[in-house]
């Protein structure tokens, strides 16, 4: 249901060429590249995470985050009502001192502000 992966998030700036960034990321050994509106998301295997991170740092990239995380194999789209319920559950789990990390496969609607 989930796979351990390296995830590097790079802030998208106006002067960045998406195709050029994608080529640099893939040449560094990344497994996947996802271009979103505000960020570029780089996915690596756990084994390649350190190497890819170092190569991207050498190329001058600054990261918003760079961690090993659990990525869902598939996601489930939820409506606004369900999104609110899922977000409340996630918040409660994160507030529990006995819980270290919370992962989910919910795909929230764009207009949802959690």
Protein backbone atom coordinates (compact mmCIF):
# COMPACT_ATOMS: atom_id res chain seq x y z
CA UNK A 1 0.00 0.00 0.00
CA UNK A 2 2.92 2.34 0.75
CA UNK A 3 6.56 2.27 -0.32
CA UNK A 4 9.54 3.89 1.39
CA UNK A 5 10.97 6.50 -1.00
CA UNK A 6 13.22 9.52 -0.91
CA UNK A 7 11.32 12.76 -1.47
CA UNK A 8 13.02 16.06 -2.27
CA UNK A 9 10.93 19.20 -2.68
CA UNK A 10 12.38 22.15 -4.59
CA UNK A 11 10.64 25.54 -4.61
CA UNK A 12 9.64 26.51 -8.13
CA UNK A 13 10.98 29.94 -9.15
CA UNK A 14 9.98 32.00 -12.19
CA UNK A 15 13.35 31.68 -13.93
CA UNK A 16 13.40 27.86 -13.74
CA UNK A 17 12.92 25.90 -16.95
CA UNK A 18 10.83 22.83 -16.12
CA UNK A 19 12.33 20.64 -18.87
CA UNK A 20 15.89 21.57 -17.91
CA UNK A 21 15.23 20.88 -14.22
CA UNK A 22 13.65 17.53 -15.09
CA UNK A 23 16.72 16.50 -17.10
CA UNK A 24 19.09 17.51 -14.29
CA UNK A 25 17.04 15.61 -11.73
CA UNK A 26 16.79 12.45 -13.82
CA UNK A 27 20.51 12.62 -14.71
CA UNK A 28 21.25 12.80 -10.98
CA UNK A 29 19.55 9.39 -10.60
CA UNK A 30 16.03 10.29 -9.52
CA UNK A 31 13.25 7.77 -10.09
CA UNK A 32 10.49 10.30 -10.78
CA UNK A 33 9.96 14.04 -11.24
CA UNK A 34 6.64 15.77 -10.55
CA UNK A 35 6.13 19.40 -11.56
CA UNK A 36 3.46 21.13 -9.53
CA UNK A 37 2.33 24.75 -9.53
CA UNK A 38 4.60 25.92 -6.70
CA UNK A 39 7.18 23.12 -6.32
CA UNK A 40 9.09 20.38 -8.07
CA UNK A 41 8.93 17.02 -6.33
CA UNK A 42 11.78 14.56 -6.83
CA UNK A 43 11.23 10.90 -5.93
CA UNK A 44 14.14 8.50 -5.42
CA UNK A 45 14.70 5.00 -4.13
CA UNK A 46 15.83 4.86 -0.51
CA UNK A 47 19.22 3.56 -1.66
CA UNK A 48 19.79 6.44 -4.13
CA UNK A 49 18.42 9.22 -1.91
CA UNK A 50 21.78 10.40 -0.51
CA UNK A 51 23.51 10.38 -3.88
CA UNK A 52 20.71 12.23 -5.67
CA UNK A 53 20.49 14.79 -2.86
CA UNK A 54 24.25 15.44 -2.99
CA UNK A 55 24.27 15.81 -6.80
CA UNK A 56 21.37 18.27 -6.70
CA UNK A 57 23.03 20.27 -3.91
CA UNK A 58 26.23 20.44 -5.99
CA UNK A 59 24.15 21.87 -8.86
CA UNK A 60 22.94 24.66 -6.56
CA UNK A 61 19.42 23.49 -5.78
CA UNK A 62 17.91 24.53 -2.46
CA UNK A 63 15.37 22.18 -0.88
CA UNK A 64 12.17 22.97 0.98
CA UNK A 65 12.44 19.44 2.35
CA UNK A 66 14.44 16.28 1.73
CA UNK A 67 13.39 13.15 3.61
CA UNK A 68 12.74 9.45 3.41
CA UNK A 69 8.96 9.05 3.52
CA UNK A 70 6.17 6.64 2.70
CA UNK A 71 4.54 7.21 -0.70
CA UNK A 72 1.15 5.55 -1.39
CA UNK A 73 0.91 3.14 -4.32
CA UNK A 74 -2.47 4.65 -5.17
CA UNK A 75 -4.58 7.50 -3.90
CA UNK A 76 -8.29 7.87 -3.22
CA UNK A 77 -10.07 11.08 -4.18
CA UNK A 78 -12.30 12.37 -1.40
CA UNK A 79 -15.12 14.92 -1.51
CA UNK A 80 -15.15 18.09 0.60
CA UNK A 81 -17.12 16.54 3.47
CA UNK A 82 -14.88 13.48 3.66
CA UNK A 83 -11.77 15.65 3.30
CA UNK A 84 -12.72 17.52 6.47
CA UNK A 85 -13.22 14.28 8.37
CA UNK A 86 -9.94 12.81 7.13
CA UNK A 87 -8.07 16.01 8.03
CA UNK A 88 -9.54 16.00 11.56
CA UNK A 89 -8.43 12.37 12.00
CA UNK A 90 -4.92 13.18 10.74
CA UNK A 91 -4.73 16.16 13.13
CA UNK A 92 -5.79 14.02 16.10
CA UNK A 93 -3.27 11.31 15.24
CA UNK A 94 -0.47 13.86 14.85
CA UNK A 95 -1.36 15.38 18.24
CA UNK A 96 -1.01 11.98 19.96
CA UNK A 97 2.38 11.73 21.70
CA UNK A 98 2.56 7.99 20.95
CA UNK A 99 2.31 8.52 17.17
CA UNK A 100 5.58 9.23 15.34
CA UNK A 101 4.42 9.70 11.74
CA UNK A 102 1.09 9.76 9.91
CA UNK A 103 0.76 8.71 6.26
CA UNK A 104 -2.41 8.68 4.17
CA UNK A 105 -3.51 8.09 0.61
CA UNK A 106 -6.35 10.63 0.50
CA UNK A 107 -6.35 12.97 -2.48
CA UNK A 108 -7.93 16.19 -1.24
CA UNK A 109 -9.93 18.47 -3.58
CA UNK A 110 -7.99 21.53 -4.80
CA UNK A 111 -10.38 23.91 -3.05
CA UNK A 112 -9.93 22.15 0.33
CA UNK A 113 -7.94 24.11 2.87
CA UNK A 114 -6.99 21.78 5.70
